[in-house]
Amino acid sequence: MAATLLAASEIADALGELPGWEHDGDRLVRTFRFPDFVRALSFMVGAGVVAERMNHHPEWTNVYNRVEVALSTHDAGGITQLDVDLATAMSGLADGDG
């Protein structure tokens, strides 16, 4: 079953519960900053495990202590509940460092 796109109001409501995340076109985006590279890499490993379990993978880049994330459900052509769920999990993993 294909994921259903969220309405703009649903995205806005979700962002109210996701500090630091922004709506950028058909993606949810956030830049996480950590004390050092090891913490950034640890975050990416943890988030990667969660993403694999969800079978929903982020677009992301890492430079030293910074991890830039973009979430979108490509099969659906935009933002779905999968993106909100992964954003929520990533925020939890950041544990206040992001």
PDB file of N, CA and C in Angstrom:
ATOM      1  N   MET A   1       0.844  -1.188   0.000  1.00  0.00           N
ATOM      2  CA  MET A   1       0.000   0.000   0.000  1.00  0.00           C
ATOM      3  C   MET A   1       0.884   1.245   0.000  1.00  0.00           C
ATOM      4  N   ALA A   2       0.601   2.166  -0.894  1.00  0.00           N
ATOM      5  CA  ALA A   2       1.392   3.386  -1.027  1.00  0.00           C
ATOM      6  C   ALA A   2       1.108   4.341   0.132  1.00  0.00           C
ATOM      7  N   ALA A   3       2.145   5.051   0.524  1.00  0.00           N
ATOM      8  CA  ALA A   3       1.990   6.059   1.569  1.00  0.00           C
ATOM      9  C   ALA A   3       1.197   7.236   1.013  1.00  0.00           C
ATOM     10  N   THR A   4       0.425   7.880   1.878  1.00  0.00           N
ATOM     11  CA  THR A   4      -0.421   9.004   1.488  1.00  0.00           C
ATOM     12  C   THR A   4       0.264  10.316   1.846  1.00  0.00           C
ATOM     13  N   LEU A   5       0.270  11.238   0.895  1.00  0.00           N
ATOM     14  CA  LEU A   5       0.838  12.562   1.153  1.00  0.00           C
ATOM     15  C   LEU A   5       0.074  13.267   2.263  1.00  0.00           C
ATOM     16  N   LEU A   6       0.802  13.998   3.091  1.00  0.00           N
ATOM     17  CA  LEU A   6       0.171  14.800   4.134  1.00  0.00           C
ATOM     18  C   LEU A   6      -0.238  16.153   3.560  1.00  0.00           C
ATOM     19  N   ALA A   7      -1.341  16.673   4.054  1.00  0.00           N
ATOM     20  CA  ALA A   7      -1.780  18.017   3.682  1.00  0.00           C
ATOM     21  C   ALA A   7      -0.872  19.040   4.357  1.00  0.00           C
ATOM     22  N   ALA A   8      -0.839  20.241   3.822  1.00  0.00           N
ATOM     23  CA  ALA A   8       0.003  21.303   4.393  1.00  0.00           C
ATOM     24  C   ALA A   8      -0.308  21.522   5.871  1.00  0.00           C
ATOM     25  N   SER A   9      -1.581  21.461   6.233  1.00  0.00           N
ATOM     26  CA  SER A   9      -1.958  21.666   7.634  1.00  0.00           C
ATOM     27  C   SER A   9      -1.442  20.526   8.519  1.00  0.00           C
ATOM     28  N   GLU A  10      -1.433  19.307   7.998  1.00  0.00           N
ATOM     29  CA  GLU A  10      -0.904  18.167   8.752  1.00  0.00           C
ATOM     30  C   GLU A  10       0.600  18.290   8.937  1.00  0.00           C
ATOM     31  N   ILE A  11       1.279  18.774   7.912  1.00  0.00           N
ATOM     32  CA  ILE A  11       2.728  18.991   8.014  1.00  0.00           C
ATOM     33  C   ILE A  11       3.007  20.073   9.050  1.00  0.00           C
ATOM     34  N   ALA A  12       2.250  21.153   9.006  1.00  0.00           N
ATOM     35  CA  ALA A  12       2.428  22.242   9.972  1.00  0.00           C
ATOM     36  C   ALA A  12       2.189  21.744  11.393  1.00  0.00           C
ATOM     37  N   ASP A  13       1.160  20.936  11.592  1.00  0.00           N
ATOM     38  CA  ASP A  13       0.888  20.367  12.920  1.00  0.00           C
ATOM     39  C   ASP A  13       2.050  19.495  13.383  1.00  0.00           C
ATOM     40  N   ALA A  14       2.568  18.664  12.496  1.00  0.00           N
ATOM     41  CA  ALA A  14       3.685  17.782  12.842  1.00  0.00           C
ATOM     42  C   ALA A  14       4.923  18.606  13.209  1.00  0.00           C
ATOM     43  N   LEU A  15       5.186  19.662  12.456  1.00  0.00           N
ATOM     44  CA  LEU A  15       6.356  20.493  12.742  1.00  0.00           C
ATOM     45  C   LEU A  15       6.243  21.186  14.089  1.00  0.00           C
ATOM     46  N   GLY A  16       5.031  21.397  14.554  1.00  0.00           N
ATOM     47  CA  GLY A  16       4.834  21.969  15.884  1.00  0.00           C
ATOM     48  C   GLY A  16       5.381  21.065  16.980  1.00  0.00           C
ATOM     49  N   GLU A  17       5.491  19.787  16.679  1.00  0.00           N
ATOM     50  CA  GLU A  17       6.017  18.796  17.623  1.00  0.00           C
ATOM     51  C   GLU A  17       7.451  18.409  17.305  1.00  0.00           C
ATOM     52  N   LEU A  18       8.053  19.038  16.297  1.00  0.00           N
ATOM     53  CA  LEU A  18       9.400  18.684  15.847  1.00  0.00           C
ATOM     54  C   LEU A  18      10.301  19.923  15.785  1.00  0.00           C
ATOM     55  N   PRO A  19      10.724  20.421  16.935  1.00  0.00           N
ATOM     56  CA  PRO A  19      11.592  21.600  16.933  1.00  0.00           C
ATOM     57  C   PRO A  19      12.840  21.390  16.074  1.00  0.00           C
ATOM     58  N   GLY A  20      13.164  22.416  15.305  1.00  0.00           N
ATOM     59  CA  GLY A  20      14.363  22.372  14.474  1.00  0.00           C
ATOM     60  C   GLY A  20      14.113  21.888  13.058  1.00  0.00           C
ATOM     61  N   TRP A  21      13.003  21.208  12.839  1.00  0.00           N
ATOM     62  CA  TRP A  21      12.675  20.719  11.498  1.00  0.00           C
ATOM     63  C   TRP A  21      11.923  21.804  10.744  1.00  0.00           C
ATOM     64  N   GLU A  22      12.112  21.841   9.422  1.00  0.00           N
ATOM     65  CA  GLU A  22      11.431  22.812   8.567  1.00  0.00           C
ATOM     66  C   GLU A  22      10.837  22.107   7.357  1.00  0.00           C
ATOM     67  N   HIS A  23       9.830  22.729   6.793  1.00  0.00           N
ATOM     68  CA  HIS A  23       9.184  22.251   5.569  1.00  0.00           C
ATOM     69  C   HIS A  23       9.841  22.987   4.409  1.00  0.00           C
ATOM     70  N   ASP A  24      10.470  22.246   3.508  1.00  0.00           N
ATOM     71  CA  ASP A  24      11.165  22.835   2.365  1.00  0.00           C
ATOM     72  C   ASP A  24      10.686  22.128   1.095  1.00  0.00           C
ATOM     73  N   GLY A  25       9.679  22.674   0.460  1.00  0.00           N
ATOM     74  CA  GLY A  25       9.121  22.054  -0.739  1.00  0.00           C
ATOM     75  C   GLY A  25       8.474  20.719  -0.416  1.00  0.00           C
ATOM     76  N   ASP A  26       9.018  19.648  -0.991  1.00  0.00           N
ATOM     77  CA  ASP A  26       8.455  18.315  -0.757  1.00  0.00           C
ATOM     78  C   ASP A  26       9.276  17.523   0.255  1.00  0.00           C
ATOM     79  N   ARG A  27       9.983  18.258   1.146  1.00  0.00           N
ATOM     80  CA  ARG A  27      10.853  17.590   2.119  1.00  0.00           C
ATOM     81  C   ARG A  27      10.729  18.214   3.500  1.00  0.00           C
ATOM     82  N   LEU A  28      11.057  17.408   4.501  1.00  0.00           N
ATOM     83  CA  LEU A  28      11.318  17.912   5.847  1.00  0.00           C
ATOM     84  C   LEU A  28      12.830  17.974   5.983  1.00  0.00           C
ATOM     85  N   VAL A  29      13.358  19.089   6.479  1.00  0.00           N
ATOM     86  CA  VAL A  29      14.807  19.254   6.565  1.00  0.00           C
ATOM     87  C   VAL A  29      15.220  19.724   7.957  1.00  0.00           C
ATOM     88  N   ARG A  30      16.410  19.308   8.332  1.00  0.00           N
ATOM     89  CA  ARG A  30      16.994  19.759   9.593  1.00  0.00           C
ATOM     90  C   ARG A  30      18.503  19.566   9.539  1.00  0.00           C
ATOM     91  N   THR A  31      19.203  20.477  10.178  1.00  0.00           N
ATOM     92  CA  THR A  31      20.637  20.325  10.379  1.00  0.00           C
ATOM     93  C   THR A  31      20.871  20.042  11.853  1.00  0.00           C
ATOM     94  N   PHE A  32      21.487  18.902  12.127  1.00  0.00           N
ATOM     95  CA  PHE A  32      21.867  18.535  13.489  1.00  0.00           C
ATOM     96  C   PHE A  32      23.328  18.912  13.678  1.00  0.00           C
ATOM     97  N   ARG A  33      23.650  19.472  14.840  1.00  0.00           N
ATOM     98  CA  ARG A  33      25.029  19.785  15.183  1.00  0.00           C
ATOM     99  C   ARG A  33      25.375  19.064  16.477  1.00  0.00           C
ATOM    100  N   PHE A  34      26.553  18.483  16.508  1.00  0.00           N
ATOM    101  CA  PHE A  34      27.005  17.691  17.641  1.00  0.00           C
ATOM    102  C   PHE A  34      28.342  18.226  18.139  1.00  0.00           C
ATOM    103  N   PRO A  35      28.771  17.816  19.332  1.00  0.00           N
ATOM    104  CA  PRO A  35      30.036  18.315  19.874  1.00  0.00           C
ATOM    105  C   PRO A  35      31.257  17.944  19.022  1.00  0.00           C
ATOM    106  N   ASP A  36      31.171  16.805  18.324  1.00  0.00           N
ATOM    107  CA  ASP A  36      32.333  16.359  17.545  1.00  0.00           C
ATOM    108  C   ASP A  36      31.898  15.329  16.504  1.00  0.00           C
ATOM    109  N   PHE A  37      32.847  14.880  15.721  1.00  0.00           N
ATOM    110  CA  PHE A  37      32.570  13.927  14.654  1.00  0.00           C
ATOM    111  C   PHE A  37      32.055  12.593  15.192  1.00  0.00           C
ATOM    112  N   VAL A  38      32.622  12.130  16.289  1.00  0.00           N
ATOM    113  CA  VAL A  38      32.205  10.833  16.838  1.00  0.00           C
ATOM    114  C   VAL A  38      30.726  10.851  17.208  1.00  0.00           C
ATOM    115  N   ARG A  39      30.259  11.937  17.826  1.00  0.00           N
ATOM    116  CA  ARG A  39      28.830  12.032  18.181  1.00  0.00           C
ATOM    117  C   ARG A  39      27.963  12.099  16.919  1.00  0.00           C
ATOM    118  N   ALA A  40      28.420  12.839  15.914  1.00  0.00           N
ATOM    119  CA  ALA A  40      27.666  12.923  14.662  1.00  0.00           C
ATOM    120  C   ALA A  40      27.577  11.543  14.006  1.00  0.00           C
ATOM    121  N   LEU A  41      28.677  10.839  13.974  1.00  0.00           N
ATOM    122  CA  LEU A  41      28.693   9.509  13.372  1.00  0.00           C
ATOM    123  C   LEU A  41      27.838   8.532  14.168  1.00  0.00           C
ATOM    124  N   SER A  42      27.879   8.609  15.468  1.00  0.00           N
ATOM    125  CA  SER A  42      27.041   7.750  16.313  1.00  0.00           C
ATOM    126  C   SER A  42      25.563   7.995  16.034  1.00  0.00           C
ATOM    127  N   PHE A  43      25.205   9.259  15.882  1.00  0.00           N
ATOM    128  CA  PHE A  43      23.833   9.608  15.531  1.00  0.00           C
ATOM    129  C   PHE A  43      23.442   8.969  14.197  1.00  0.00           C
ATOM    130  N   MET A  44      24.327   9.073  13.213  1.00  0.00           N
ATOM    131  CA  MET A  44      24.028   8.535  11.888  1.00  0.00           C
ATOM    132  C   MET A  44      23.868   7.015  11.928  1.00  0.00           C
ATOM    133  N   VAL A  45      24.693   6.356  12.702  1.00  0.00           N
ATOM    134  CA  VAL A  45      24.573   4.897  12.814  1.00  0.00           C
ATOM    135  C   VAL A  45      23.230   4.529  13.447  1.00  0.00           C
ATOM    136  N   GLY A  46      22.882   5.186  14.546  1.00  0.00           N
ATOM    137  CA  GLY A  46      21.606   4.912  15.207  1.00  0.00           C
ATOM    138  C   GLY A  46      20.432   5.221  14.308  1.00  0.00           C
ATOM    139  N   ALA A  47      20.477   6.353  13.637  1.00  0.00           N
ATOM    140  CA  ALA A  47      19.392   6.741  12.732  1.00  0.00           C
ATOM    141  C   ALA A  47      19.319   5.789  11.543  1.00  0.00           C
ATOM    142  N   GLY A  48      20.463   5.318  11.093  1.00  0.00           N
ATOM    143  CA  GLY A  48      20.491   4.363   9.987  1.00  0.00           C
ATOM    144  C   GLY A  48      19.811   3.053  10.342  1.00  0.00           C
ATOM    145  N   VAL A  49      20.016   2.587  11.568  1.00  0.00           N
ATOM    146  CA  VAL A  49      19.355   1.355  12.023  1.00  0.00           C
ATOM    147  C   VAL A  49      17.847   1.545  12.051  1.00  0.00           C
ATOM    148  N   VAL A  50      17.400   2.682  12.580  1.00  0.00           N
ATOM    149  CA  VAL A  50      15.961   2.971  12.626  1.00  0.00           C
ATOM    150  C   VAL A  50      15.397   3.063  11.210  1.00  0.00           C
ATOM    151  N   ALA A  51      16.096   3.780  10.337  1.00  0.00           N
ATOM    152  CA  ALA A  51      15.623   3.947   8.959  1.00  0.00           C
ATOM    153  C   ALA A  51      15.520   2.597   8.246  1.00  0.00           C
ATOM    154  N   GLU A  52      16.485   1.727   8.473  1.00  0.00           N
ATOM    155  CA  GLU A  52      16.452   0.415   7.837  1.00  0.00           C
ATOM    156  C   GLU A  52      15.264  -0.402   8.338  1.00  0.00           C
ATOM    157  N   ARG A  53      15.006  -0.345   9.636  1.00  0.00           N
ATOM    158  CA  ARG A  53      13.836  -1.048  10.192  1.00  0.00           C
ATOM    159  C   ARG A  53      12.538  -0.535   9.577  1.00  0.00           C
ATOM    160  N   MET A  54      12.492   0.772   9.329  1.00  0.00           N
ATOM    161  CA  MET A  54      11.306   1.386   8.739  1.00  0.00           C
ATOM    162  C   MET A  54      11.247   1.201   7.219  1.00  0.00           C
ATOM    163  N   ASN A  55      12.375   0.766   6.644  1.00  0.00           N
ATOM    164  CA  ASN A  55      12.524   0.710   5.190  1.00  0.00           C
ATOM    165  C   ASN A  55      12.215   2.083   4.577  1.00  0.00           C
ATOM    166  N   HIS A  56      12.761   3.100   5.233  1.00  0.00           N
ATOM    167  CA  HIS A  56      12.550   4.490   4.802  1.00  0.00           C
ATOM    168  C   HIS A  56      13.856   5.239   5.071  1.00  0.00           C
ATOM    169  N   HIS A  57      14.560   5.585   4.021  1.00  0.00           N
ATOM    170  CA  HIS A  57      15.938   6.040   4.161  1.00  0.00           C
ATOM    171  C   HIS A  57      16.089   7.529   3.878  1.00  0.00           C
ATOM    172  N   PRO A  58      16.865   8.214   4.722  1.00  0.00           N
ATOM    173  CA  PRO A  58      17.034   9.662   4.558  1.00  0.00           C
ATOM    174  C   PRO A  58      18.035  10.007   3.463  1.00  0.00           C
ATOM    175  N   GLU A  59      17.918  11.231   2.988  1.00  0.00           N
ATOM    176  CA  GLU A  59      19.000  11.851   2.225  1.00  0.00           C
ATOM    177  C   GLU A  59      19.762  12.652   3.271  1.00  0.00           C
ATOM    178  N   TRP A  60      21.065  12.434   3.364  1.00  0.00           N
ATOM    179  CA  TRP A  60      21.816  13.170   4.379  1.00  0.00           C
ATOM    180  C   TRP A  60      23.267  13.322   3.997  1.00  0.00           C
ATOM    181  N   THR A  61      23.886  14.319   4.607  1.00  0.00           N
ATOM    182  CA  THR A  61      25.316  14.544   4.443  1.00  0.00           C
ATOM    183  C   THR A  61      25.915  14.815   5.817  1.00  0.00           C
ATOM    184  N   ASN A  62      27.187  14.529   5.921  1.00  0.00           N
ATOM    185  CA  ASN A  62      27.908  14.756   7.172  1.00  0.00           C
ATOM    186  C   ASN A  62      29.214  15.458   6.872  1.00  0.00           C
ATOM    187  N   VAL A  63      29.458  16.545   7.589  1.00  0.00           N
ATOM    188  CA  VAL A  63      30.750  17.213   7.589  1.00  0.00           C
ATOM    189  C   VAL A  63      31.095  17.469   9.045  1.00  0.00           C
ATOM    190  N   TYR A  64      32.136  16.797   9.506  1.00  0.00           N
ATOM    191  CA  TYR A  64      32.627  16.845  10.867  1.00  0.00           C
ATOM    192  C   TYR A  64      31.502  16.667  11.893  1.00  0.00           C
ATOM    193  N   ASN A  65      31.038  17.745  12.516  1.00  0.00           N
ATOM    194  CA  ASN A  65      30.044  17.622  13.594  1.00  0.00           C
ATOM    195  C   ASN A  65      28.621  17.935  13.137  1.00  0.00           C
ATOM    196  N   ARG A  66      28.421  18.087  11.846  1.00  0.00           N
ATOM    197  CA  ARG A  66      27.135  18.513  11.307  1.00  0.00           C
ATOM    198  C   ARG A  66      26.542  17.406  10.430  1.00  0.00           C
ATOM    199  N   VAL A  67      25.254  17.130  10.633  1.00  0.00           N
ATOM    200  CA  VAL A  67      24.528  16.174   9.799  1.00  0.00           C
ATOM    201  C   VAL A  67      23.304  16.897   9.249  1.00  0.00           C
ATOM    202  N   GLU A  68      23.258  17.047   7.934  1.00  0.00           N
ATOM    203  CA  GLU A  68      22.120  17.676   7.276  1.00  0.00           C
ATOM    204  C   GLU A  68      21.208  16.577   6.741  1.00  0.00           C
ATOM    205  N   VAL A  69      19.927  16.663   7.081  1.00  0.00           N
ATOM    206  CA  VAL A  69      18.964  15.616   6.759  1.00  0.00           C
ATOM    207  C   VAL A  69      17.818  16.196   5.928  1.00  0.00           C
ATOM    208  N   ALA A  70      17.401  15.442   4.917  1.00  0.00           N
ATOM    209  CA  ALA A  70      16.205  15.762   4.137  1.00  0.00           C
ATOM    210  C   ALA A  70      15.365  14.491   4.045  1.00  0.00           C
ATOM    211  N   LEU A  71      14.115  14.595   4.415  1.00  0.00           N
ATOM    212  CA  LEU A  71      13.208  13.448   4.388  1.00  0.00           C
ATOM    213  C   LEU A  71      12.064  13.697   3.423  1.00  0.00           C
ATOM    214  N   SER A  72      11.811  12.720   2.571  1.00  0.00           N
ATOM    215  CA  SER A  72      10.709  12.779   1.626  1.00  0.00           C
ATOM    216  C   SER A  72      10.393  11.346   1.208  1.00  0.00           C
ATOM    217  N   THR A  73       9.142  11.070   0.982  1.00  0.00           N
ATOM    218  CA  THR A  73       8.748   9.751   0.495  1.00  0.00           C
ATOM    219  C   THR A  73       8.662   9.840  -1.019  1.00  0.00           C
ATOM    220  N   HIS A  74       9.730   9.426  -1.672  1.00  0.00           N
ATOM    221  CA  HIS A  74       9.844   9.618  -3.118  1.00  0.00           C
ATOM    222  C   HIS A  74       8.732   8.911  -3.892  1.00  0.00           C
ATOM    223  N   ASP A  75       8.352   7.709  -3.459  1.00  0.00           N
ATOM    224  CA  ASP A  75       7.287   6.976  -4.149  1.00  0.00           C
ATOM    225  C   ASP A  75       5.963   7.736  -4.123  1.00  0.00           C
ATOM    226  N   ALA A  76       5.750   8.514  -3.069  1.00  0.00           N
ATOM    227  CA  ALA A  76       4.503   9.280  -2.935  1.00  0.00           C
ATOM    228  C   ALA A  76       4.636  10.690  -3.512  1.00  0.00           C
ATOM    229  N   GLY A  77       5.868  11.144  -3.732  1.00  0.00           N
ATOM    230  CA  GLY A  77       6.082  12.468  -4.300  1.00  0.00           C
ATOM    231  C   GLY A  77       6.048  13.598  -3.293  1.00  0.00           C
ATOM    232  N   GLY A  78       6.360  13.298  -2.022  1.00  0.00           N
ATOM    233  CA  GLY A  78       6.373  14.358  -1.019  1.00  0.00           C
ATOM    234  C   GLY A  78       6.414  13.801   0.388  1.00  0.00           C
ATOM    235  N   ILE A  79       5.858  14.556   1.300  1.00  0.00           N
ATOM    236  CA  ILE A  79       5.949  14.241   2.726  1.00  0.00           C
ATOM    237  C   ILE A  79       4.764  13.377   3.155  1.00  0.00           C
ATOM    238  N   THR A  80       5.094  12.264   3.837  1.00  0.00           N
ATOM    239  CA  THR A  80       4.078  11.353   4.366  1.00  0.00           C
ATOM    240  C   THR A  80       4.338  11.145   5.858  1.00  0.00           C
ATOM    241  N   GLN A  81       3.497  10.353   6.476  1.00  0.00           N
ATOM    242  CA  GLN A  81       3.669  10.041   7.891  1.00  0.00           C
ATOM    243  C   GLN A  81       4.995   9.332   8.144  1.00  0.00           C
ATOM    244  N   LEU A  82       5.499   8.593   7.167  1.00  0.00           N
ATOM    245  CA  LEU A  82       6.812   7.950   7.313  1.00  0.00           C
ATOM    246  C   LEU A  82       7.895   8.985   7.597  1.00  0.00           C
ATOM    247  N   ASP A  83       7.843  10.106   6.907  1.00  0.00           N
ATOM    248  CA  ASP A  83       8.839  11.158   7.109  1.00  0.00           C
ATOM    249  C   ASP A  83       8.720  11.763   8.501  1.00  0.00           C
ATOM    250  N   VAL A  84       7.493  11.990   8.936  1.00  0.00           N
ATOM    251  CA  VAL A  84       7.271  12.530  10.282  1.00  0.00           C
ATOM    252  C   VAL A  84       7.781  11.544  11.331  1.00  0.00           C
ATOM    253  N   ASP A  85       7.494  10.263  11.132  1.00  0.00           N
ATOM    254  CA  ASP A  85       7.933   9.248  12.090  1.00  0.00           C
ATOM    255  C   ASP A  85       9.455   9.159  12.150  1.00  0.00           C
ATOM    256  N   LEU A  86      10.119   9.212  10.994  1.00  0.00           N
ATOM    257  CA  LEU A  86      11.582   9.152  11.001  1.00  0.00           C
ATOM    258  C   LEU A  86      12.174  10.426  11.597  1.00  0.00           C
ATOM    259  N   ALA A  87      11.587  11.570  11.305  1.00  0.00           N
ATOM    260  CA  ALA A  87      12.047  12.827  11.905  1.00  0.00           C
ATOM    261  C   ALA A  87      11.929  12.776  13.423  1.00  0.00           C
ATOM    262  N   THR A  88      10.828  12.234  13.900  1.00  0.00           N
ATOM    263  CA  THR A  88      10.616  12.101  15.341  1.00  0.00           C
ATOM    264  C   THR A  88      11.679  11.203  15.967  1.00  0.00           C
ATOM    265  N   ALA A  89      11.950  10.081  15.317  1.00  0.00           N
ATOM    266  CA  ALA A  89      12.967   9.147  15.824  1.00  0.00           C
ATOM    267  C   ALA A  89      14.353   9.801  15.806  1.00  0.00           C
ATOM    268  N   MET A  90      14.673  10.517  14.736  1.00  0.00           N
ATOM    269  CA  MET A  90      15.984  11.171  14.643  1.00  0.00           C
ATOM    270  C   MET A  90      16.133  12.242  15.722  1.00  0.00           C
ATOM    271  N   SER A  91      15.088  12.992  15.961  1.00  0.00           N
ATOM    272  CA  SER A  91      15.144  14.005  17.020  1.00  0.00           C
ATOM    273  C   SER A  91      15.399  13.364  18.369  1.00  0.00           C
ATOM    274  N   GLY A  92      14.741  12.242  18.613  1.00  0.00           N
ATOM    275  CA  GLY A  92      14.960  11.528  19.872  1.00  0.00           C
ATOM    276  C   GLY A  92      16.380  11.015  20.002  1.00  0.00           C
ATOM    277  N   LEU A  93      16.949  10.527  18.911  1.00  0.00           N
ATOM    278  CA  LEU A  93      18.321  10.031  18.932  1.00  0.00           C
ATOM    279  C   LEU A  93      19.339  11.147  19.167  1.00  0.00           C
ATOM    280  N   ALA A  94      19.009  12.341  18.667  1.00  0.00           N
ATOM    281  CA  ALA A  94      19.937  13.457  18.836  1.00  0.00           C
ATOM    282  C   ALA A  94      20.100  13.821  20.309  1.00  0.00           C
ATOM    283  N   ASP A  95      19.088  13.480  21.134  1.00  0.00           N
ATOM    284  CA  ASP A  95      19.173  13.627  22.586  1.00  0.00           C
ATOM    285  C   ASP A  95      19.612  15.016  23.042  1.00  0.00           C
ATOM    286  N   GLY A  96      19.058  16.018  22.361  1.00  0.00           N
ATOM    287  CA  GLY A  96      19.362  17.385  22.783  1.00  0.00           C
ATOM    288  C   GLY A  96      20.641  17.964  22.221  1.00  0.00           C
ATOM    289  N   ASP A  97      21.411  17.158  21.457  1.00  0.00           N
ATOM    290  CA  ASP A  97      22.659  17.683  20.888  1.00  0.00           C
ATOM    291  C   ASP A  97      22.433  18.400  19.558  1.00  0.00           C
ATOM    292  N   GLY A  98      21.281  18.139  18.915  1.00  0.00           N
ATOM    293  CA  GLY A  98      21.056  18.640  17.558  1.00  0.00           C
ATOM    294  C   GLY A  98      20.786  20.102  17.487  1.00  0.00           C
TER     295      GLY A  98
END
